[in-house]
C-alpha atoms as a PDB file:
ATOM      1  CA  MET A   1      -4.011-137.482  55.185  1.00  0.00           C
ATOM      2  CA  LEU A   2      -6.197-136.112  57.965  1.00  0.00           C
ATOM      3  CA  VAL A   3      -6.716-132.335  58.005  1.00  0.00           C
ATOM      4  CA  ARG A   4      -8.595-130.789  60.906  1.00  0.00           C
ATOM      5  CA  VAL A   5     -10.413-127.606  59.983  1.00  0.00           C
ATOM      6  CA  GLY A   6     -10.574-126.229  63.526  1.00  0.00           C
ATOM      7  CA  VAL A   7     -13.058-123.847  65.056  1.00  0.00           C
ATOM      8  CA  LEU A   8     -15.155-121.824  62.614  1.00  0.00           C
ATOM      9  CA  PRO A   9     -17.721-119.090  63.284  1.00  0.00           C
ATOM     10  CA  GLU A  10     -21.188-120.269  64.336  1.00  0.00           C
ATOM     11  CA  ASP A  11     -22.958-118.435  61.508  1.00  0.00           C
ATOM     12  CA  ALA A  12     -22.897-120.531  58.311  1.00  0.00           C
ATOM     13  CA  LEU A  13     -21.969-117.659  55.962  1.00  0.00           C
ATOM     14  CA  ASP A  14     -19.209-116.451  58.267  1.00  0.00           C
ATOM     15  CA  ALA A  15     -17.935-120.022  58.644  1.00  0.00           C
ATOM     16  CA  ALA A  16     -17.879-120.543  54.864  1.00  0.00           C
ATOM     17  CA  SER A  17     -15.961-117.299  54.427  1.00  0.00           C
ATOM     18  CA  ALA A  18     -13.407-118.239  57.097  1.00  0.00           C
ATOM     19  CA  PHE A  19     -12.967-121.706  55.564  1.00  0.00           C
ATOM     20  CA  HIS A  20     -12.314-120.280  52.100  1.00  0.00           C
ATOM     21  CA  VAL A  21      -9.822-117.712  53.408  1.00  0.00           C
ATOM     22  CA  GLU A  22      -7.999-119.763  56.061  1.00  0.00           C
ATOM     23  CA  VAL A  23      -8.307-123.449  55.149  1.00  0.00           C
ATOM     24  CA  LEU A  24      -8.822-123.694  51.395  1.00  0.00           C
ATOM     25  CA  PRO A  25      -5.326-122.409  50.472  1.00  0.00           C
ATOM     26  CA  ARG A  26      -3.799-124.967  52.841  1.00  0.00           C
ATOM     27  CA  LEU A  27      -5.807-127.799  51.255  1.00  0.00           C
ATOM     28  CA  ARG A  28      -4.837-126.718  47.737  1.00  0.00           C
ATOM     29  CA  ALA A  29      -1.157-126.764  48.706  1.00  0.00           C
ATOM     30  CA  MET A  30      -1.240-130.284  50.144  1.00  0.00           C
ATOM     31  CA  PRO A  31       0.860-132.975  48.549  1.00  0.00           C
ATOM     32  CA  ASP A  32      -0.839-135.461  46.278  1.00  0.00           C
ATOM     33  CA  ALA A  33      -2.621-137.718  48.733  1.00  0.00           C
ATOM     34  CA  ALA A  34      -6.086-138.792  49.781  1.00  0.00           C
ATOM     35  CA  ILE A  35      -7.294-136.044  52.114  1.00  0.00           C
ATOM     36  CA  THR A  36      -9.946-136.395  54.801  1.00  0.00           C
ATOM     37  CA  CYS A  37     -11.014-132.946  55.954  1.00  0.00           C
ATOM     38  CA  VAL A  38     -12.457-133.017  59.510  1.00  0.00           C
ATOM     39  CA  PHE A  39     -15.003-130.324  60.324  1.00  0.00           C
ATOM     40  CA  PRO A  40     -16.350-129.758  63.816  1.00  0.00           C
ATOM     41  CA  PRO A  41     -20.031-130.658  64.217  1.00  0.00           C
ATOM     42  CA  ALA A  42     -22.342-127.800  63.235  1.00  0.00           C
ATOM     43  CA  GLY A  43     -25.988-127.116  62.524  1.00  0.00           C
ATOM     44  CA  HIS A  44     -27.832-128.098  59.365  1.00  0.00           C
ATOM     45  CA  GLY A  45     -27.146-124.671  57.804  1.00  0.00           C
ATOM     46  CA  HIS A  46     -23.484-125.603  57.374  1.00  0.00           C
ATOM     47  CA  ALA A  47     -24.026-128.792  55.360  1.00  0.00           C
ATOM     48  CA  ASP A  48     -24.571-127.163  51.950  1.00  0.00           C
ATOM     49  CA  TRP A  49     -21.485-124.942  51.916  1.00  0.00           C
ATOM     50  CA  ARG A  50     -19.310-127.736  53.296  1.00  0.00           C
ATOM     51  CA  ARG A  51     -20.588-130.205  50.699  1.00  0.00           C
ATOM     52  CA  ALA A  52     -20.095-127.682  47.882  1.00  0.00           C
ATOM     53  CA  ALA A  53     -16.551-126.861  49.022  1.00  0.00           C
ATOM     54  CA  ILE A  54     -15.534-130.535  49.212  1.00  0.00           C
ATOM     55  CA  GLN A  55     -17.169-131.357  45.860  1.00  0.00           C
ATOM     56  CA  SER A  56     -15.458-128.408  44.159  1.00  0.00           C
ATOM     57  CA  LEU A  57     -12.084-129.341  45.621  1.00  0.00           C
ATOM     58  CA  ALA A  58     -12.545-132.952  44.486  1.00  0.00           C
ATOM     59  CA  ARG A  59     -13.070-131.782  40.910  1.00  0.00           C
ATOM     60  CA  GLU A  60     -10.102-129.416  41.134  1.00  0.00           C
ATOM     61  CA  ILE A  61      -7.561-131.881  42.499  1.00  0.00           C
ATOM     62  CA  ALA A  62      -8.680-134.994  40.579  1.00  0.00           C
ATOM     63  CA  PRO A  63      -7.400-137.661  40.208  1.00  0.00           C
ATOM     64  CA  HIS A  64      -6.402-137.143  43.846  1.00  0.00           C
ATOM     65  CA  ARG A  65      -9.178-137.500  46.385  1.00  0.00           C
ATOM     66  CA  ILE A  66     -10.701-135.381  49.141  1.00  0.00           C
ATOM     67  CA  ASN A  67     -13.631-136.100  51.415  1.00  0.00           C
ATOM     68  CA  GLY A  68     -15.069-134.208  54.350  1.00  0.00           C
ATOM     69  CA  ILE A  69     -16.440-135.506  57.608  1.00  0.00           C
ATOM     70  CA  ALA A  70     -18.088-133.672  60.490  1.00  0.00           C
ATOM     71  CA  CYS A  71     -17.451-135.252  63.858  1.00  0.00           C
ATOM     72  CA  ASP A  72     -15.860-134.765  67.258  1.00  0.00           C
ATOM     73  CA  ASP A  73     -15.675-138.462  68.205  1.00  0.00           C
ATOM     74  CA  GLU A  74     -12.050-139.583  67.780  1.00  0.00           C
ATOM     75  CA  ALA A  75     -12.939-143.255  67.286  1.00  0.00           C
ATOM     76  CA  ALA A  76     -15.426-142.394  64.533  1.00  0.00           C
ATOM     77  CA  ILE A  77     -12.897-140.067  62.886  1.00  0.00           C
ATOM     78  CA  ALA A  78     -10.237-142.791  62.923  1.00  0.00           C
ATOM     79  CA  ALA A  79     -12.654-145.363  61.481  1.00  0.00           C
ATOM     80  CA  ALA A  80     -13.765-142.997  58.713  1.00  0.00           C
ATOM     81  CA  GLU A  81     -10.161-142.093  57.897  1.00  0.00           C
ATOM     82  CA  ALA A  82      -9.192-145.766  57.704  1.00  0.00           C
ATOM     83  CA  TYR A  83     -12.067-146.461  55.321  1.00  0.00           C
ATOM     84  CA  LEU A  84     -11.677-143.355  53.144  1.00  0.00           C
ATOM     85  CA  THR A  85      -7.922-143.823  52.757  1.00  0.00           C
ATOM     86  CA  THR A  86      -8.479-147.183  51.079  1.00  0.00           C
ATOM     87  CA  ALA A  87     -11.758-146.451  49.238  1.00  0.00           C
ATOM     88  CA  ASP A  88     -10.242-145.459  45.906  1.00  0.00           C
ATOM     89  CA  GLY A  89     -13.589-144.664  44.260  1.00  0.00           C
ATOM     90  CA  VAL A  90     -14.864-142.349  47.000  1.00  0.00           C
ATOM     91  CA  THR A  91     -14.194-138.634  46.580  1.00  0.00           C
ATOM     92  CA  GLY A  92     -16.085-135.375  46.951  1.00  0.00           C
ATOM     93  CA  GLN A  93     -18.263-136.655  49.788  1.00  0.00           C
ATOM     94  CA  TYR A  94     -19.312-134.773  52.913  1.00  0.00           C
ATOM     95  CA  LEU A  95     -20.277-137.169  55.694  1.00  0.00           C
ATOM     96  CA  PRO A  96     -21.632-135.975  59.041  1.00  0.00           C
ATOM     97  CA  LEU A  97     -20.738-138.808  61.446  1.00  0.00           C
ATOM     98  CA  ASP A  98     -22.415-140.018  64.603  1.00  0.00           C
ATOM     99  CA  GLY A  99     -20.017-141.882  66.853  1.00  0.00           C
ATOM    100  CA  GLU A 100     -22.937-143.628  68.521  1.00  0.00           C
ATOM    101  CA  GLY A 101     -23.693-145.672  65.393  1.00  0.00           C
ATOM    102  CA  ALA A 102     -26.983-146.285  63.723  1.00  0.00           C
ATOM    103  CA  GLY A 103     -28.428-148.277  66.592  1.00  0.00           C
ATOM    104  CA  LYS A 104     -30.253-151.570  66.483  1.00  0.00           C
ATOM    105  CA  VAL A 105     -31.759-152.734  63.228  1.00  0.00           C
ATOM    106  CA  LEU A 106     -35.501-153.009  63.661  1.00  0.00           C
ATOM    107  CA  HIS A 107     -37.601-155.333  61.556  1.00  0.00           C
ATOM    108  CA  SER A 108     -41.110-156.653  61.650  1.00  0.00           C
ATOM    109  CA  ALA A 109     -41.718-160.211  62.673  1.00  0.00           C
ATOM    110  CA  SER A 110     -43.132-162.410  59.943  1.00  0.00           C
END
C-alpha cells in the first residue's frame, strides 16, 4: 500500500514534528498490509529522523512491513513499490531514490 506523506516543513525538526503529529497516526491505523511510505525529496538533515521513524514503525507493526522512500519520480516510485510489495524480508528501510539510475558501470581494463 502506497502512502504519500505530502509536503512537510523545510526545517528537519519541524518536518519530523509535523510527520509525527499528522502522518504517524494515519500509518498506525492502516490495515495489515505492506506499506511503502513516500516522502518528498529533502536535504541530508532529514534522513536520520525519517530512518528512525520508519525503523520504529517497523518494530511496532511487525510482522507487517513498512518501508520509506524519498522520491518525486513517479516511475522510480512505482518500481520501488513493485519491488517492496513482494520483498517479504525487507522492512524498516529508508531509501532515497534517484530516478536517473546509478549510471554506467565503470571498470578498469585488464
